[in-house]
């Protein structure tokens, strides 16, 4: 949330939370037209430290460690990054939530029954909607995610999508998830 606040602040927009000082320093060092927020789900500092070689790209360019929001679930973290609001504000708290409208727990991203994986016909985005944090900003905003229905999606495919979406004449902000 602090990183999103820093980005909003950098482009001259209201920030809902305190900014991240490290990101503020980076953004104030020069003029940026392209900002990419890359969320690599499950890649924490300990995993990187244990598994990456000392000369690997990620270790070589690692500048600091930030912590996740609470609760640190995929659904809460990814939506907080995309919308710039705390999970307690949006209701996106975990992978699945109970909805009294249909008396079931459903997976928030898909609207499917959590236990049986059957279609429910219920769209959680209509009940607990959110906007992307850049929706009110004068930027080319993009959300780049893999197609989760595709069995063999690859990181390089997500990166290719990201690189194709930059426009040189405008400010670009991308949220890239893998």
N, C-alpha and C. Protein backbone atom coordinates (compact mmCIF):
# COMPACT_ATOMS: atom_id res chain seq x y z
N UNK A 1 0.82 -1.20 0.00
CA UNK A 1 0.00 0.00 0.00
C UNK A 1 0.86 1.26 0.00
N UNK A 2 2.01 1.17 0.66
CA UNK A 2 2.90 2.33 0.70
C UNK A 2 3.55 2.58 -0.66
N UNK A 3 3.86 1.50 -1.38
CA UNK A 3 4.43 1.64 -2.71
C UNK A 3 3.41 2.28 -3.66
N UNK A 4 2.17 1.82 -3.61
CA UNK A 4 1.11 2.39 -4.44
C UNK A 4 0.93 3.86 -4.09
N UNK A 5 0.97 4.19 -2.81
CA UNK A 5 0.86 5.59 -2.39
C UNK A 5 2.01 6.42 -2.93
N UNK A 6 3.22 5.86 -2.95
CA UNK A 6 4.37 6.57 -3.51
C UNK A 6 4.18 6.84 -5.00
N UNK A 7 3.67 5.86 -5.72
CA UNK A 7 3.46 6.03 -7.16
C UNK A 7 2.39 7.08 -7.42
N UNK A 8 1.29 7.02 -6.69
CA UNK A 8 0.23 8.02 -6.85
C UNK A 8 0.77 9.41 -6.53
N UNK A 9 1.53 9.51 -5.46
CA UNK A 9 2.12 10.78 -5.05
C UNK A 9 3.08 11.31 -6.12
N UNK A 10 3.88 10.42 -6.70
CA UNK A 10 4.85 10.79 -7.73
C UNK A 10 4.15 11.46 -8.93
N UNK A 11 2.99 10.93 -9.31
CA UNK A 11 2.26 11.48 -10.45
C UNK A 11 1.32 12.62 -10.05
N UNK A 12 1.36 13.02 -8.77
CA UNK A 12 0.59 14.17 -8.31
C UNK A 12 -0.84 13.87 -7.90
N UNK A 13 -1.11 12.64 -7.50
CA UNK A 13 -2.45 12.25 -7.09
C UNK A 13 -2.48 11.93 -5.60
N UNK A 14 -3.68 12.04 -5.03
CA UNK A 14 -3.88 11.76 -3.60
C UNK A 14 -3.46 10.33 -3.27
N UNK A 15 -2.71 10.19 -2.19
CA UNK A 15 -2.30 8.87 -1.70
C UNK A 15 -3.11 8.56 -0.45
N UNK A 16 -3.65 7.35 -0.38
CA UNK A 16 -4.48 6.97 0.77
C UNK A 16 -3.67 6.59 2.01
N UNK A 17 -2.42 6.28 1.82
CA UNK A 17 -1.59 5.81 2.93
C UNK A 17 -0.24 6.52 2.89
N UNK A 18 0.53 6.32 3.94
CA UNK A 18 1.88 6.87 3.98
C UNK A 18 2.69 6.29 2.82
N UNK A 19 3.57 7.10 2.26
CA UNK A 19 4.38 6.61 1.14
C UNK A 19 5.56 5.80 1.65
N UNK A 20 6.18 5.06 0.74
CA UNK A 20 7.36 4.24 1.04
C UNK A 20 8.60 5.10 0.77
N UNK A 21 9.39 5.40 1.79
CA UNK A 21 10.53 6.30 1.64
C UNK A 21 11.54 5.81 0.61
N UNK A 22 11.78 4.51 0.57
CA UNK A 22 12.74 3.95 -0.39
C UNK A 22 12.26 4.20 -1.82
N UNK A 23 10.99 3.95 -2.08
CA UNK A 23 10.42 4.17 -3.40
C UNK A 23 10.40 5.66 -3.72
N UNK A 24 10.09 6.50 -2.73
CA UNK A 24 10.10 7.95 -2.94
C UNK A 24 11.48 8.42 -3.41
N UNK A 25 12.52 7.88 -2.79
CA UNK A 25 13.89 8.26 -3.17
C UNK A 25 14.19 7.85 -4.61
N UNK A 26 13.78 6.64 -4.98
CA UNK A 26 14.00 6.16 -6.36
C UNK A 26 13.26 7.05 -7.35
N UNK A 27 11.98 7.32 -7.07
CA UNK A 27 11.17 8.10 -7.99
C UNK A 27 11.64 9.55 -8.10
N UNK A 28 12.22 10.09 -7.05
CA UNK A 28 12.68 11.48 -7.09
C UNK A 28 14.06 11.62 -7.75
N UNK A 29 14.72 10.49 -8.03
CA UNK A 29 16.08 10.55 -8.58
C UNK A 29 16.12 10.97 -10.05
N UNK A 30 15.02 10.72 -10.79
CA UNK A 30 14.92 11.16 -12.19
C UNK A 30 13.47 11.08 -12.64
N UNK A 31 13.20 11.48 -13.86
CA UNK A 31 11.85 11.48 -14.38
C UNK A 31 11.54 10.13 -15.04
N UNK A 32 10.51 9.46 -14.55
CA UNK A 32 10.13 8.15 -15.09
C UNK A 32 8.82 8.25 -15.85
N UNK A 33 8.75 7.62 -17.01
CA UNK A 33 7.51 7.50 -17.77
C UNK A 33 6.90 6.09 -17.62
N UNK A 34 7.73 5.10 -17.33
CA UNK A 34 7.27 3.72 -17.22
C UNK A 34 7.55 3.19 -15.82
N UNK A 35 6.49 2.75 -15.17
CA UNK A 35 6.63 2.13 -13.85
C UNK A 35 5.95 0.77 -13.92
N UNK A 36 6.69 -0.25 -13.53
CA UNK A 36 6.17 -1.62 -13.52
C UNK A 36 6.21 -2.15 -12.09
N UNK A 37 5.06 -2.56 -11.62
CA UNK A 37 4.96 -3.22 -10.32
C UNK A 37 4.84 -4.70 -10.65
N UNK A 38 5.87 -5.45 -10.32
CA UNK A 38 5.87 -6.87 -10.63
C UNK A 38 5.69 -7.65 -9.34
N UNK A 39 4.58 -8.35 -9.24
CA UNK A 39 4.30 -9.15 -8.07
C UNK A 39 4.54 -10.61 -8.43
N UNK A 40 5.57 -11.19 -7.84
CA UNK A 40 5.90 -12.60 -8.06
C UNK A 40 5.40 -13.37 -6.85
N UNK A 41 4.22 -13.92 -6.98
CA UNK A 41 3.52 -14.56 -5.88
C UNK A 41 4.34 -15.71 -5.30
N UNK A 42 4.56 -15.67 -4.01
CA UNK A 42 5.29 -16.74 -3.33
C UNK A 42 6.80 -16.54 -3.29
N UNK A 43 7.30 -15.51 -3.94
CA UNK A 43 8.75 -15.30 -3.95
C UNK A 43 9.11 -14.32 -2.84
N UNK A 44 9.38 -14.85 -1.68
CA UNK A 44 9.80 -14.03 -0.56
C UNK A 44 11.32 -13.97 -0.47
N UNK A 45 11.78 -13.12 0.42
CA UNK A 45 13.23 -12.94 0.59
C UNK A 45 13.92 -14.24 0.99
N UNK A 46 13.31 -15.02 1.86
CA UNK A 46 13.93 -16.27 2.30
C UNK A 46 14.05 -17.27 1.16
N UNK A 47 13.02 -17.35 0.33
CA UNK A 47 13.07 -18.27 -0.81
C UNK A 47 14.15 -17.83 -1.78
N UNK A 48 14.23 -16.54 -2.03
CA UNK A 48 15.25 -15.99 -2.92
C UNK A 48 16.65 -16.26 -2.36
N UNK A 49 16.82 -16.01 -1.10
CA UNK A 49 18.13 -16.20 -0.46
C UNK A 49 18.56 -17.66 -0.51
N UNK A 50 17.65 -18.57 -0.28
CA UNK A 50 17.97 -20.00 -0.21
C UNK A 50 18.20 -20.61 -1.60
N UNK A 51 17.43 -20.16 -2.60
CA UNK A 51 17.43 -20.83 -3.90
C UNK A 51 18.21 -20.16 -5.01
N UNK A 52 18.39 -18.86 -4.94
CA UNK A 52 19.04 -18.15 -6.05
C UNK A 52 20.56 -18.14 -5.88
N UNK A 53 21.23 -18.27 -6.98
CA UNK A 53 22.69 -18.19 -6.96
C UNK A 53 23.10 -16.75 -6.67
N UNK A 54 24.27 -16.55 -6.06
CA UNK A 54 24.71 -15.19 -5.71
C UNK A 54 24.77 -14.23 -6.89
N UNK A 55 25.07 -14.72 -8.09
CA UNK A 55 25.17 -13.85 -9.26
C UNK A 55 23.88 -13.82 -10.10
N UNK A 56 22.78 -14.36 -9.56
CA UNK A 56 21.52 -14.36 -10.31
C UNK A 56 20.98 -12.94 -10.43
N UNK A 57 20.18 -12.71 -11.43
CA UNK A 57 19.62 -11.38 -11.71
C UNK A 57 18.88 -10.84 -10.48
N UNK A 58 17.99 -11.64 -9.91
CA UNK A 58 17.18 -11.16 -8.79
C UNK A 58 18.01 -10.82 -7.56
N UNK A 59 19.01 -11.62 -7.28
CA UNK A 59 19.87 -11.32 -6.13
C UNK A 59 20.78 -10.13 -6.41
N UNK A 60 21.26 -10.05 -7.63
CA UNK A 60 22.18 -8.98 -8.00
C UNK A 60 21.50 -7.60 -7.90
N UNK A 61 20.23 -7.53 -8.29
CA UNK A 61 19.53 -6.25 -8.32
C UNK A 61 18.54 -6.07 -7.16
N UNK A 62 18.58 -6.93 -6.19
CA UNK A 62 17.72 -6.78 -5.02
C UNK A 62 18.21 -5.57 -4.22
N UNK A 63 17.34 -4.58 -4.03
CA UNK A 63 17.78 -3.37 -3.33
C UNK A 63 17.25 -3.26 -1.91
N UNK A 64 16.08 -3.79 -1.65
CA UNK A 64 15.55 -3.79 -0.28
C UNK A 64 14.35 -4.72 -0.21
N UNK A 65 13.94 -5.02 0.99
CA UNK A 65 12.81 -5.92 1.19
C UNK A 65 11.64 -5.14 1.77
N UNK A 66 10.49 -5.36 1.20
CA UNK A 66 9.26 -4.76 1.68
C UNK A 66 8.40 -5.88 2.24
N UNK A 67 7.47 -5.56 3.10
CA UNK A 67 6.60 -6.58 3.65
C UNK A 67 5.21 -6.47 3.04
N UNK A 68 4.48 -7.55 3.11
CA UNK A 68 3.14 -7.61 2.55
C UNK A 68 2.14 -6.96 3.51
N UNK A 69 0.93 -6.79 3.02
CA UNK A 69 -0.17 -6.33 3.85
C UNK A 69 -0.65 -7.49 4.71
N UNK A 70 -1.59 -7.22 5.60
CA UNK A 70 -2.18 -8.27 6.42
C UNK A 70 -3.66 -8.34 6.09
N UNK A 71 -4.21 -9.52 5.90
CA UNK A 71 -3.54 -10.81 5.89
C UNK A 71 -2.73 -10.99 4.60
N UNK A 72 -1.67 -11.73 4.70
CA UNK A 72 -0.75 -11.87 3.55
C UNK A 72 -1.15 -13.03 2.65
N UNK A 73 -2.42 -13.09 2.31
CA UNK A 73 -2.92 -14.09 1.37
C UNK A 73 -2.79 -13.56 -0.05
N UNK A 74 -2.82 -14.45 -1.02
CA UNK A 74 -2.75 -14.02 -2.41
C UNK A 74 -3.88 -13.06 -2.75
N UNK A 75 -5.11 -13.41 -2.39
CA UNK A 75 -6.25 -12.56 -2.74
C UNK A 75 -6.15 -11.19 -2.09
N UNK A 76 -5.76 -11.14 -0.83
CA UNK A 76 -5.65 -9.85 -0.14
C UNK A 76 -4.50 -9.02 -0.70
N UNK A 77 -3.36 -9.64 -0.91
CA UNK A 77 -2.18 -8.92 -1.37
C UNK A 77 -2.32 -8.43 -2.80
N UNK A 78 -2.78 -9.29 -3.68
CA UNK A 78 -2.88 -8.88 -5.09
C UNK A 78 -3.92 -7.80 -5.28
N UNK A 79 -5.07 -7.93 -4.64
CA UNK A 79 -6.09 -6.90 -4.82
C UNK A 79 -5.68 -5.60 -4.14
N UNK A 80 -5.00 -5.67 -3.01
CA UNK A 80 -4.52 -4.44 -2.36
C UNK A 80 -3.52 -3.72 -3.26
N UNK A 81 -2.69 -4.48 -3.94
CA UNK A 81 -1.73 -3.87 -4.86
C UNK A 81 -2.45 -3.28 -6.06
N UNK A 82 -3.44 -3.98 -6.59
CA UNK A 82 -4.15 -3.49 -7.76
C UNK A 82 -5.04 -2.28 -7.46
N UNK A 83 -5.62 -2.25 -6.26
CA UNK A 83 -6.55 -1.14 -5.99
C UNK A 83 -6.00 -0.09 -5.03
N UNK A 84 -4.89 -0.39 -4.35
CA UNK A 84 -4.29 0.60 -3.46
C UNK A 84 -5.03 0.80 -2.16
N UNK A 85 -5.88 -0.16 -1.79
CA UNK A 85 -6.65 -0.06 -0.55
C UNK A 85 -6.43 -1.30 0.32
N UNK A 86 -6.52 -1.12 1.61
CA UNK A 86 -6.33 -2.22 2.55
C UNK A 86 -7.46 -3.25 2.41
N UNK A 87 -7.15 -4.51 2.64
CA UNK A 87 -8.18 -5.55 2.54
C UNK A 87 -9.40 -5.30 3.43
N UNK A 88 -9.21 -4.70 4.58
CA UNK A 88 -10.34 -4.41 5.48
C UNK A 88 -11.29 -3.40 4.84
N UNK A 89 -10.78 -2.58 3.93
CA UNK A 89 -11.60 -1.60 3.23
C UNK A 89 -12.39 -2.26 2.10
N UNK A 90 -11.75 -3.15 1.36
CA UNK A 90 -12.38 -3.74 0.18
C UNK A 90 -13.15 -5.03 0.45
N UNK A 91 -12.79 -5.75 1.51
CA UNK A 91 -13.43 -7.04 1.78
C UNK A 91 -12.72 -8.21 1.13
N UNK A 92 -11.66 -7.94 0.38
CA UNK A 92 -10.88 -9.01 -0.26
C UNK A 92 -9.85 -9.50 0.76
N UNK A 93 -10.28 -10.44 1.62
CA UNK A 93 -9.45 -10.86 2.74
C UNK A 93 -8.70 -12.16 2.51
N UNK A 94 -9.28 -13.06 1.76
CA UNK A 94 -8.65 -14.36 1.57
C UNK A 94 -9.06 -14.98 0.25
N UNK A 95 -8.61 -16.19 0.06
CA UNK A 95 -8.87 -16.89 -1.20
C UNK A 95 -10.36 -17.10 -1.41
N UNK A 96 -11.06 -17.42 -0.32
CA UNK A 96 -12.49 -17.64 -0.42
C UNK A 96 -13.20 -16.94 0.72
N UNK A 97 -14.40 -16.51 0.43
CA UNK A 97 -15.23 -15.83 1.42
C UNK A 97 -16.63 -16.43 1.39
N UNK A 98 -17.32 -16.29 2.50
CA UNK A 98 -18.72 -16.72 2.57
C UNK A 98 -19.61 -15.57 2.10
N UNK A 99 -20.56 -15.89 1.23
CA UNK A 99 -21.51 -14.90 0.76
C UNK A 99 -22.92 -15.34 1.16
N UNK A 100 -23.54 -14.52 2.01
CA UNK A 100 -24.87 -14.88 2.50
C UNK A 100 -25.91 -14.88 1.38
N UNK A 101 -25.64 -14.13 0.31
CA UNK A 101 -26.58 -14.08 -0.81
C UNK A 101 -26.82 -15.46 -1.43
N UNK A 102 -25.80 -16.31 -1.42
CA UNK A 102 -25.95 -17.65 -1.99
C UNK A 102 -25.65 -18.75 -0.96
N UNK A 103 -25.39 -18.34 0.27
CA UNK A 103 -25.14 -19.27 1.38
C UNK A 103 -24.03 -20.28 1.06
N UNK A 104 -22.91 -19.76 0.52
CA UNK A 104 -21.77 -20.61 0.17
C UNK A 104 -20.47 -19.84 0.33
N UNK A 105 -19.41 -20.61 0.52
CA UNK A 105 -18.07 -20.05 0.41
C UNK A 105 -17.66 -20.19 -1.04
N UNK A 106 -17.19 -19.09 -1.61
CA UNK A 106 -16.75 -19.14 -3.00
C UNK A 106 -15.34 -18.56 -3.13
N UNK A 107 -14.65 -19.02 -4.17
CA UNK A 107 -13.34 -18.51 -4.50
C UNK A 107 -13.55 -17.12 -5.11
N UNK A 108 -12.93 -16.12 -4.52
CA UNK A 108 -13.18 -14.75 -4.95
C UNK A 108 -12.81 -14.49 -6.41
N UNK A 109 -11.70 -15.02 -6.88
CA UNK A 109 -11.26 -14.73 -8.23
C UNK A 109 -12.14 -15.37 -9.30
N UNK A 110 -12.77 -16.48 -8.98
CA UNK A 110 -13.52 -17.23 -9.99
C UNK A 110 -15.03 -17.26 -9.77
N UNK A 111 -15.47 -17.05 -8.54
CA UNK A 111 -16.90 -17.17 -8.24
C UNK A 111 -17.35 -18.61 -8.12
N UNK A 112 -16.41 -19.54 -8.12
CA UNK A 112 -16.76 -20.97 -8.02
C UNK A 112 -16.92 -21.40 -6.56
N UNK A 113 -17.71 -22.45 -6.36
CA UNK A 113 -17.88 -23.03 -5.04
C UNK A 113 -16.51 -23.48 -4.53
N UNK A 114 -16.17 -23.10 -3.31
CA UNK A 114 -14.85 -23.41 -2.77
C UNK A 114 -14.62 -24.91 -2.59
N UNK A 115 -15.64 -25.64 -2.19
CA UNK A 115 -15.50 -27.07 -1.89
C UNK A 115 -15.60 -27.93 -3.14
N UNK A 116 -16.60 -27.66 -3.98
CA UNK A 116 -16.87 -28.53 -5.13
C UNK A 116 -16.28 -28.03 -6.45
N UNK A 117 -15.86 -26.76 -6.49
CA UNK A 117 -15.33 -26.11 -7.68
C UNK A 117 -16.39 -25.92 -8.77
N UNK A 118 -17.66 -26.11 -8.43
CA UNK A 118 -18.73 -25.91 -9.41
C UNK A 118 -19.00 -24.41 -9.62
N UNK A 119 -19.48 -24.08 -10.80
CA UNK A 119 -19.89 -22.71 -11.11
C UNK A 119 -21.07 -22.34 -10.21
N UNK A 120 -21.05 -21.13 -9.69
CA UNK A 120 -22.17 -20.67 -8.85
C UNK A 120 -23.03 -19.64 -9.56
N UNK A 121 -22.50 -19.04 -10.62
CA UNK A 121 -23.22 -17.97 -11.29
C UNK A 121 -23.18 -16.67 -10.50
N UNK A 122 -22.42 -16.64 -9.44
CA UNK A 122 -22.31 -15.47 -8.58
C UNK A 122 -21.01 -14.75 -8.88
N UNK A 123 -21.09 -13.45 -9.07
CA UNK A 123 -19.91 -12.66 -9.39
C UNK A 123 -19.50 -11.82 -8.17
N UNK A 124 -18.46 -12.24 -7.46
CA UNK A 124 -18.05 -11.49 -6.27
C UNK A 124 -17.60 -10.07 -6.57
N UNK A 125 -17.14 -9.80 -7.79
CA UNK A 125 -16.71 -8.45 -8.16
C UNK A 125 -17.87 -7.45 -8.12
N UNK A 126 -19.10 -7.95 -8.27
CA UNK A 126 -20.26 -7.06 -8.20
C UNK A 126 -20.64 -6.74 -6.77
N UNK A 127 -20.33 -7.65 -5.84
CA UNK A 127 -20.68 -7.45 -4.43
C UNK A 127 -19.57 -6.71 -3.69
N UNK A 128 -18.32 -7.05 -4.00
CA UNK A 128 -17.18 -6.36 -3.38
C UNK A 128 -16.26 -5.83 -4.49
N UNK A 129 -16.75 -4.80 -5.19
CA UNK A 129 -16.00 -4.27 -6.33
C UNK A 129 -14.83 -3.41 -5.89
N UNK A 130 -13.93 -3.19 -6.81
CA UNK A 130 -12.85 -2.24 -6.60
C UNK A 130 -12.39 -1.70 -7.94
N UNK A 131 -11.73 -0.55 -7.89
CA UNK A 131 -11.14 0.04 -9.09
C UNK A 131 -9.64 -0.11 -8.99
N UNK A 132 -8.97 -0.11 -10.13
CA UNK A 132 -7.51 -0.14 -10.13
C UNK A 132 -6.99 1.20 -9.60
N UNK A 133 -5.89 1.16 -8.90
CA UNK A 133 -5.37 2.36 -8.24
C UNK A 133 -5.06 3.49 -9.21
N UNK A 134 -4.89 3.18 -10.49
CA UNK A 134 -4.56 4.21 -11.48
C UNK A 134 -5.79 4.67 -12.28
N UNK A 135 -6.99 4.22 -11.90
CA UNK A 135 -8.20 4.51 -12.67
C UNK A 135 -8.47 6.01 -12.80
N UNK A 136 -8.14 6.79 -11.79
CA UNK A 136 -8.39 8.23 -11.84
C UNK A 136 -7.17 9.03 -12.30
N UNK A 137 -6.12 8.34 -12.71
CA UNK A 137 -4.88 9.01 -13.08
C UNK A 137 -4.76 9.14 -14.61
N UNK A 138 -4.06 10.17 -15.05
CA UNK A 138 -3.83 10.38 -16.47
C UNK A 138 -2.60 9.57 -16.90
N UNK A 139 -2.78 8.25 -16.95
CA UNK A 139 -1.70 7.33 -17.32
C UNK A 139 -2.29 6.20 -18.17
N UNK A 140 -1.41 5.52 -18.88
CA UNK A 140 -1.80 4.29 -19.57
C UNK A 140 -1.62 3.17 -18.55
N UNK A 141 -2.68 2.77 -17.90
CA UNK A 141 -2.61 1.74 -16.87
C UNK A 141 -2.95 0.37 -17.43
N UNK A 142 -2.17 -0.62 -17.04
CA UNK A 142 -2.37 -1.98 -17.53
C UNK A 142 -2.27 -2.98 -16.39
N UNK A 143 -3.10 -4.01 -16.46
CA UNK A 143 -3.00 -5.16 -15.57
C UNK A 143 -2.58 -6.33 -16.45
N UNK A 144 -1.42 -6.90 -16.17
CA UNK A 144 -0.89 -8.01 -16.97
C UNK A 144 -0.81 -9.24 -16.07
N UNK A 145 -1.61 -10.23 -16.41
CA UNK A 145 -1.64 -11.48 -15.64
C UNK A 145 -1.69 -12.65 -16.62
N UNK A 146 -1.24 -13.81 -16.17
CA UNK A 146 -1.36 -14.98 -17.05
C UNK A 146 -2.82 -15.41 -17.17
N UNK A 147 -3.10 -16.16 -18.21
CA UNK A 147 -4.42 -16.77 -18.36
C UNK A 147 -4.40 -18.04 -17.51
N UNK A 148 -5.09 -17.98 -16.37
CA UNK A 148 -5.03 -19.10 -15.43
C UNK A 148 -5.80 -20.32 -15.92
N UNK A 149 -6.57 -20.18 -16.99
CA UNK A 149 -7.24 -21.33 -17.59
C UNK A 149 -6.29 -22.12 -18.47
N UNK A 150 -5.18 -21.50 -18.83
CA UNK A 150 -4.17 -22.17 -19.65
C UNK A 150 -3.23 -22.95 -18.72
N UNK A 151 -3.03 -24.20 -19.01
CA UNK A 151 -2.26 -25.07 -18.13
C UNK A 151 -0.77 -24.70 -18.09
N UNK A 152 -0.21 -24.35 -19.21
CA UNK A 152 1.24 -24.14 -19.28
C UNK A 152 1.64 -22.68 -19.47
N UNK A 153 1.02 -21.78 -18.73
CA UNK A 153 1.43 -20.39 -18.88
C UNK A 153 2.83 -20.21 -18.30
N UNK A 154 3.58 -19.32 -18.92
CA UNK A 154 4.98 -19.14 -18.56
C UNK A 154 5.27 -17.68 -18.22
N UNK A 155 6.28 -17.48 -17.40
CA UNK A 155 6.69 -16.15 -17.00
C UNK A 155 7.07 -15.30 -18.20
N UNK A 156 7.76 -15.89 -19.16
CA UNK A 156 8.19 -15.13 -20.34
C UNK A 156 7.00 -14.63 -21.14
N UNK A 157 5.88 -15.35 -21.12
CA UNK A 157 4.68 -14.89 -21.83
C UNK A 157 4.11 -13.64 -21.18
N UNK A 158 4.12 -13.61 -19.86
CA UNK A 158 3.66 -12.43 -19.12
C UNK A 158 4.58 -11.24 -19.41
N UNK A 159 5.88 -11.48 -19.44
CA UNK A 159 6.84 -10.41 -19.73
C UNK A 159 6.65 -9.87 -21.14
N UNK A 160 6.41 -10.74 -22.11
CA UNK A 160 6.18 -10.29 -23.49
C UNK A 160 4.94 -9.39 -23.56
N UNK A 161 3.87 -9.78 -22.87
CA UNK A 161 2.66 -8.96 -22.84
C UNK A 161 2.98 -7.58 -22.25
N UNK A 162 3.77 -7.58 -21.21
CA UNK A 162 4.14 -6.33 -20.55
C UNK A 162 4.88 -5.40 -21.49
N UNK A 163 5.89 -5.92 -22.16
CA UNK A 163 6.72 -5.10 -23.04
C UNK A 163 5.94 -4.54 -24.23
N UNK A 164 4.94 -5.26 -24.69
CA UNK A 164 4.14 -4.81 -25.83
C UNK A 164 3.25 -3.62 -25.49
N UNK A 165 2.97 -3.41 -24.22
CA UNK A 165 1.98 -2.42 -23.83
C UNK A 165 2.52 -1.04 -23.49
N UNK A 166 3.81 -0.82 -23.64
CA UNK A 166 4.35 0.51 -23.35
C UNK A 166 4.10 1.44 -24.52
N UNK A 167 3.66 2.64 -24.20
CA UNK A 167 3.47 3.69 -25.19
C UNK A 167 4.43 4.81 -24.85
N UNK A 168 5.29 5.19 -25.79
CA UNK A 168 6.35 6.15 -25.50
C UNK A 168 5.86 7.56 -25.21
N UNK A 169 4.71 7.92 -25.73
CA UNK A 169 4.27 9.31 -25.60
C UNK A 169 3.47 9.59 -24.32
N UNK A 170 3.18 8.58 -23.52
CA UNK A 170 2.39 8.77 -22.29
C UNK A 170 3.06 8.09 -21.11
N UNK A 171 2.61 8.46 -19.92
CA UNK A 171 3.06 7.77 -18.71
C UNK A 171 2.39 6.40 -18.65
N UNK A 172 3.19 5.40 -18.34
CA UNK A 172 2.70 4.02 -18.27
C UNK A 172 2.89 3.46 -16.87
N UNK A 173 1.84 2.80 -16.36
CA UNK A 173 1.94 2.06 -15.11
C UNK A 173 1.40 0.67 -15.39
N UNK A 174 2.17 -0.32 -15.02
CA UNK A 174 1.73 -1.70 -15.19
C UNK A 174 1.81 -2.45 -13.86
N UNK A 175 0.80 -3.23 -13.64
CA UNK A 175 0.81 -4.23 -12.57
C UNK A 175 1.00 -5.55 -13.29
N UNK A 176 2.12 -6.22 -13.03
CA UNK A 176 2.43 -7.49 -13.68
C UNK A 176 2.49 -8.57 -12.61
N UNK A 177 1.67 -9.60 -12.78
CA UNK A 177 1.55 -10.68 -11.78
C UNK A 177 2.01 -12.00 -12.37
N UNK A 178 2.75 -12.73 -11.58
CA UNK A 178 3.04 -14.11 -11.92
C UNK A 178 3.28 -14.88 -10.64
